[in-house]
């Protein structure tokens, strides 16, 4: 009888649904987030179409160039910075803001995925989208004459990762502290300001002295300077590294402190 009961208990245990391993849950959520991002026409426009327009515009027009540097090189640096900000900041702010308003964030805390899995999936989705952006925009740049250097591309990787953390944290902060309608307005407005006047399209050195100092302290200004150093033979600034790291750390701490998982 004891053996029969044991076998019955084992059979019931085998039939009981169990959550998938944590890594599989995170990867599944990352895949979902990536598909949502790339299947949304508005987000796809922000992620690829607008950076491509920046690339062509800065290549053709005498704007944002560095002396002695090919126009396509400075255009590519600004384009990659635009792509990073569009996905890490704007897209994630909007998508997370809608998830928060629709109760997804409240619900996810009760699932095996959990809040940490949700955030990890978002990070992986963002990095995956970045890879696709670099490939697509890089191919366009190659067609118009860009000839990248391997050392510069390698140096870009840590800058890109720090920038992803910095702007991702800022996007989450906007999404987690404002109402959804405000998230849409603020994230799009800040995106335009950072690209057009925040040191991305135009180097801080092209601004008047007072404004250039302010631009240097912005995360967009630091990112723009570092990517120009990597891809357009610009001057590498330790100060820009410190500024971008400070925004990454400060933004992360601010999200931990003030991010609200519900819209109430």
Protein backbone atom coordinates (compact mmCIF):
# COMPACT_ATOMS: atom_id res chain seq x y z
CA UNK A 1 0.00 0.00 0.00
CA UNK A 2 2.82 2.39 0.85
CA UNK A 3 4.49 1.75 -2.49
CA UNK A 4 1.19 2.38 -4.27
CA UNK A 5 0.69 5.70 -2.45
CA UNK A 6 4.25 6.74 -3.27
CA UNK A 7 3.75 5.99 -6.96
CA UNK A 8 0.45 7.90 -6.92
CA UNK A 9 2.13 10.92 -5.32
CA UNK A 10 4.93 10.84 -7.88
CA UNK A 11 2.42 10.63 -10.72
CA UNK A 12 0.50 13.67 -9.40
CA UNK A 13 3.79 15.55 -8.97
CA UNK A 14 4.74 14.82 -12.57
CA UNK A 15 1.38 16.14 -13.78
CA UNK A 16 1.65 19.37 -11.75
CA UNK A 17 2.61 22.29 -14.04
CA UNK A 18 5.98 23.76 -13.23
CA UNK A 19 7.45 27.04 -14.45
CA UNK A 20 10.20 26.87 -17.05
CA UNK A 21 13.77 27.56 -15.90
CA UNK A 22 14.53 31.21 -15.25
CA UNK A 23 16.79 31.62 -18.27
CA UNK A 24 14.17 30.19 -20.62
CA UNK A 25 11.53 32.53 -19.19
CA UNK A 26 13.77 35.55 -19.66
CA UNK A 27 14.70 34.57 -23.23
CA UNK A 28 11.04 34.01 -24.10
CA UNK A 29 10.12 37.42 -22.73
CA UNK A 30 13.06 39.01 -24.58
CA UNK A 31 11.82 37.45 -27.81
CA UNK A 32 8.32 38.78 -27.16
CA UNK A 33 9.60 42.28 -26.41
CA UNK A 34 11.74 42.26 -29.56
CA UNK A 35 8.81 41.16 -31.75
CA UNK A 36 6.56 43.82 -30.25
CA UNK A 37 9.17 46.49 -30.85
CA UNK A 38 9.92 45.48 -34.43
CA UNK A 39 6.30 44.87 -35.41
CA UNK A 40 5.15 48.30 -34.25
CA UNK A 41 5.30 50.71 -37.16
CA UNK A 42 5.77 53.79 -35.01
CA UNK A 43 8.54 52.23 -32.96
CA UNK A 44 10.22 50.84 -36.08
CA UNK A 45 10.20 54.32 -37.57
CA UNK A 46 11.92 55.69 -34.48
CA UNK A 47 14.39 52.80 -34.34
CA UNK A 48 15.48 52.67 -38.00
CA UNK A 49 13.84 55.24 -40.28
CA UNK A 50 14.73 58.36 -38.27
CA UNK A 51 18.39 57.34 -37.71
CA UNK A 52 18.64 56.56 -41.44
CA UNK A 53 17.32 60.05 -42.21
CA UNK A 54 19.93 61.50 -39.84
CA UNK A 55 22.63 59.51 -41.66
CA UNK A 56 21.66 60.71 -45.13
CA UNK A 57 21.02 64.27 -44.00
CA UNK A 58 24.35 64.73 -42.22
CA UNK A 59 26.18 63.04 -45.09
CA UNK A 60 24.71 65.40 -47.67
CA UNK A 61 24.58 68.63 -45.69
CA UNK A 62 27.61 70.51 -44.28
CA UNK A 63 26.44 70.10 -40.70
CA UNK A 64 27.99 68.56 -37.60
CA UNK A 65 31.29 67.79 -39.27
CA UNK A 66 34.79 67.67 -37.80
CA UNK A 67 37.67 69.31 -39.62
CA UNK A 68 39.71 66.83 -41.61
CA UNK A 69 37.22 63.99 -41.08
CA UNK A 70 35.12 62.45 -43.82
CA UNK A 71 31.49 63.58 -43.71
CA UNK A 72 30.24 60.01 -43.72
CA UNK A 73 32.25 59.20 -40.56
CA UNK A 74 30.72 61.98 -38.48
CA UNK A 75 27.31 61.14 -39.93
CA UNK A 76 27.64 57.48 -38.89
CA UNK A 77 28.68 58.43 -35.34
CA UNK A 78 25.64 60.71 -34.97
CA UNK A 79 23.40 58.07 -36.54
CA UNK A 80 24.46 55.32 -34.16
CA UNK A 81 23.97 57.65 -31.20
CA UNK A 82 20.50 58.50 -32.51
CA UNK A 83 19.68 54.80 -32.90
CA UNK A 84 20.80 54.01 -29.37
CA UNK A 85 18.76 56.81 -27.82
CA UNK A 86 15.69 56.00 -29.91
CA UNK A 87 15.55 52.39 -28.73
CA UNK A 88 17.00 52.52 -25.22
CA UNK A 89 15.19 55.69 -24.19
CA UNK A 90 12.20 56.58 -26.36
CA UNK A 91 10.90 53.16 -27.37
CA UNK A 92 11.39 51.58 -23.96
CA UNK A 93 9.79 54.55 -22.20
CA UNK A 94 6.69 54.35 -24.40
CA UNK A 95 6.33 50.55 -24.31
CA UNK A 96 6.92 50.36 -20.56
CA UNK A 97 4.55 53.27 -19.98
CA UNK A 98 1.74 51.44 -21.78
CA UNK A 99 2.56 48.20 -19.93
CA UNK A 100 2.25 50.10 -16.69
CA UNK A 101 -1.06 51.73 -17.63
CA UNK A 102 -2.54 48.44 -18.86
CA UNK A 103 -1.66 46.63 -15.64
CA UNK A 104 1.00 44.41 -17.20
CA UNK A 105 3.59 45.45 -14.63
CA UNK A 106 1.21 44.70 -11.76
CA UNK A 107 0.40 41.30 -13.28
CA UNK A 108 3.99 40.32 -14.09
CA UNK A 109 4.95 40.50 -10.41
CA UNK A 110 2.59 37.57 -9.73
CA UNK A 111 4.03 35.34 -12.48
CA UNK A 112 7.11 33.10 -12.43
CA UNK A 113 8.84 35.65 -14.67
CA UNK A 114 8.78 38.26 -11.89
CA UNK A 115 9.92 41.82 -12.03
CA UNK A 116 13.61 40.97 -12.35
CA UNK A 117 12.89 38.62 -15.26
CA UNK A 118 10.76 41.30 -16.90
CA UNK A 119 13.58 43.83 -16.69
CA UNK A 120 16.20 41.30 -17.86
CA UNK A 121 14.04 40.45 -20.86
CA UNK A 122 13.72 44.13 -21.72
CA UNK A 123 17.48 44.58 -21.56
CA UNK A 124 18.08 41.61 -23.87
CA UNK A 125 15.39 42.85 -26.27
CA UNK A 126 17.00 46.29 -26.36
CA UNK A 127 20.45 44.85 -27.09
CA UNK A 128 19.01 42.60 -29.81
CA UNK A 129 17.33 45.57 -31.43
CA UNK A 130 20.58 47.51 -31.23
CA UNK A 131 22.39 44.75 -33.13
CA UNK A 132 19.75 44.87 -35.87
CA UNK A 133 19.98 48.68 -35.99
CA UNK A 134 23.77 48.62 -36.35
CA UNK A 135 23.57 46.02 -39.12
CA UNK A 136 20.89 47.85 -41.12
CA UNK A 137 22.32 51.33 -40.65
CA UNK A 138 25.86 50.06 -41.14
CA UNK A 139 24.89 48.53 -44.50
CA UNK A 140 23.38 51.85 -45.60
CA UNK A 141 26.55 53.63 -44.48
CA UNK A 142 28.74 51.17 -46.39
CA UNK A 143 26.73 51.86 -49.54
CA UNK A 144 27.37 55.61 -49.30
CA UNK A 145 31.10 55.16 -48.67
CA UNK A 146 31.71 54.43 -44.97
CA UNK A 147 34.86 52.39 -44.37
CA UNK A 148 35.00 51.51 -40.65
CA UNK A 149 38.15 50.64 -38.74
CA UNK A 150 38.12 47.50 -36.64
CA UNK A 151 39.73 49.25 -33.66
CA UNK A 152 37.08 51.94 -33.67
CA UNK A 153 34.27 49.39 -33.80
CA UNK A 154 35.82 47.49 -30.89
CA UNK A 155 36.12 50.69 -28.85
CA UNK A 156 32.47 51.45 -29.58
CA UNK A 157 31.23 48.31 -27.78
CA UNK A 158 31.83 49.42 -24.15
CA UNK A 159 30.58 52.92 -24.97
CA UNK A 160 27.44 51.40 -26.45
CA UNK A 161 26.82 49.21 -23.40
CA UNK A 162 27.23 52.10 -20.96
CA UNK A 163 25.02 54.27 -23.13
CA UNK A 164 22.35 51.56 -23.23
CA UNK A 165 22.29 51.44 -19.43
CA UNK A 166 22.21 55.22 -19.11
CA UNK A 167 19.41 55.87 -21.59
CA UNK A 168 17.53 52.70 -20.68
CA UNK A 169 17.45 53.83 -17.06
CA UNK A 170 16.24 57.29 -18.08
CA UNK A 171 13.52 55.72 -20.23
CA UNK A 172 12.36 53.51 -17.37
CA UNK A 173 12.40 56.51 -15.03
CA UNK A 174 10.12 58.48 -17.36
CA UNK A 175 7.83 55.47 -17.85
CA UNK A 176 7.67 54.71 -14.14
CA UNK A 177 7.00 58.17 -12.78
CA UNK A 178 4.71 59.88 -15.33
CA UNK A 179 1.27 59.04 -16.64
CA UNK A 180 1.18 57.38 -20.05
CA UNK A 181 0.01 60.47 -21.93
CA UNK A 182 2.89 62.45 -20.45
CA UNK A 183 5.34 59.64 -21.21
CA UNK A 184 4.52 59.89 -24.92
CA UNK A 185 5.02 63.64 -25.01
CA UNK A 186 8.09 63.82 -22.78
CA UNK A 187 9.98 60.90 -24.34
CA UNK A 188 9.47 62.14 -27.91
CA UNK A 189 10.28 65.74 -27.02
CA UNK A 190 13.47 64.78 -25.17
CA UNK A 191 14.51 62.52 -28.05
CA UNK A 192 14.25 65.38 -30.54
CA UNK A 193 16.05 67.80 -28.23
CA UNK A 194 18.89 65.40 -27.46
CA UNK A 195 19.50 64.57 -31.12
CA UNK A 196 19.08 68.09 -32.50
CA UNK A 197 20.60 70.17 -29.71
CA UNK A 198 22.07 67.76 -27.15
CA UNK A 199 25.44 67.01 -28.71
CA UNK A 200 24.43 64.16 -31.04
CA UNK A 201 24.03 65.75 -34.47
CA UNK A 202 26.36 68.65 -33.66
CA UNK A 203 29.53 68.39 -31.52
CA UNK A 204 29.60 70.43 -28.33
CA UNK A 205 32.56 72.39 -29.74
CA UNK A 206 30.26 74.01 -32.32
CA UNK A 207 28.15 75.66 -29.60
CA UNK A 208 28.96 78.91 -27.78
CA UNK A 209 31.20 78.34 -24.77
CA UNK A 210 28.44 78.57 -22.16
CA UNK A 211 26.19 76.14 -24.03
CA UNK A 212 29.01 73.76 -24.90
CA UNK A 213 29.75 73.25 -21.21
CA UNK A 214 26.11 72.37 -20.62
CA UNK A 215 25.99 70.00 -23.59
CA UNK A 216 29.11 68.23 -22.31
CA UNK A 217 27.22 67.37 -19.11
CA UNK A 218 24.28 65.78 -20.91
CA UNK A 219 24.22 62.01 -21.52
CA UNK A 220 23.54 62.69 -25.19
CA UNK A 221 26.53 65.02 -25.41
CA UNK A 222 28.83 62.49 -23.75
CA UNK A 223 27.57 59.68 -25.98
CA UNK A 224 27.98 61.78 -29.11
CA UNK A 225 31.54 62.77 -28.22
CA UNK A 226 32.57 59.19 -27.43
CA UNK A 227 31.08 57.72 -30.59
CA UNK A 228 32.76 60.43 -32.67
CA UNK A 229 36.03 59.51 -30.95
CA UNK A 230 35.48 55.85 -31.87
CA UNK A 231 34.13 56.23 -35.40
CA UNK A 232 35.20 59.67 -36.66
CA UNK A 233 38.71 60.11 -35.26
CA UNK A 234 37.45 62.63 -32.73
CA UNK A 235 39.29 63.44 -29.52
CA UNK A 236 38.70 60.89 -26.77
CA UNK A 237 37.59 62.57 -23.54
CA UNK A 238 37.83 60.93 -20.14
CA UNK A 239 35.36 63.55 -18.97
CA UNK A 240 32.74 62.20 -21.38
CA UNK A 241 33.30 58.70 -20.02
CA UNK A 242 32.78 59.95 -16.47
CA UNK A 243 29.63 61.86 -17.47
CA UNK A 244 28.07 58.86 -19.25
CA UNK A 245 28.95 56.53 -16.37
CA UNK A 246 27.48 59.01 -13.88
CA UNK A 247 24.22 59.12 -15.82
CA UNK A 248 24.14 55.31 -16.00
CA UNK A 249 24.69 54.87 -12.27
CA UNK A 250 22.51 57.80 -11.25
CA UNK A 251 19.71 56.75 -13.58
CA UNK A 252 19.75 53.20 -12.28
CA UNK A 253 19.61 54.36 -8.68
CA UNK A 254 16.77 56.75 -9.53
CA UNK A 255 14.78 53.90 -11.12
CA UNK A 256 15.29 51.75 -8.02
CA UNK A 257 14.12 54.60 -5.82
CA UNK A 258 11.22 56.13 -7.77
CA UNK A 259 9.94 53.67 -10.37
CA UNK A 260 6.27 52.80 -9.72
CA UNK A 261 4.96 49.48 -11.02
CA UNK A 262 1.35 50.63 -11.03
CA UNK A 263 -0.35 53.68 -12.53
CA UNK A 264 -2.19 54.54 -9.34
